[in-house]
Protein backbone atom coordinates (compact mmCIF):
# COMPACT_ATOMS: atom_id res chain seq x y z
CA MET A 1 63.85 170.99 103.26
CA GLN A 2 65.37 169.97 99.83
CA PHE A 3 68.61 171.98 100.25
CA ILE A 4 69.43 170.30 103.80
CA SER A 5 68.81 166.84 101.69
CA SER A 6 70.98 167.36 99.40
CA TYR A 7 73.26 168.99 101.11
CA PHE A 8 73.60 166.17 103.59
CA VAL A 9 74.02 163.56 100.81
CA LEU A 10 76.87 165.45 99.49
CA VAL A 11 78.64 165.40 102.11
CA HIS A 12 77.94 162.05 103.00
CA PHE A 13 78.82 161.19 98.60
CA ASP A 14 82.59 163.45 99.53
CA PHE A 15 82.96 161.59 102.69
CA PHE A 16 82.85 158.20 100.89
CA ASN A 17 84.90 159.40 98.07
CA SER A 18 87.92 160.17 100.72
CA LYS A 19 87.99 156.78 102.11
CA PHE A 20 88.20 155.44 98.26
CA ASN A 21 90.95 157.17 97.81
CA SER A 22 92.46 156.62 100.85
CA ILE A 23 92.22 152.37 100.49
CA GLN A 24 92.81 152.98 95.99
CA SER A 25 95.88 154.58 97.10
CA LYS A 26 96.56 151.81 99.87
CA TRP A 27 96.04 149.36 97.57
CA THR A 28 97.80 150.74 94.44
CA GLN A 29 100.60 151.20 97.24
CA THR A 30 101.62 147.75 97.66
């Protein structure tokens, strides 16, 4: 159960990270 939970957190973090990266790149472009 802990493995699934940690995996879910990892995927969630990765998704958040990519989203944040795209926003940051947009900001730096302007």
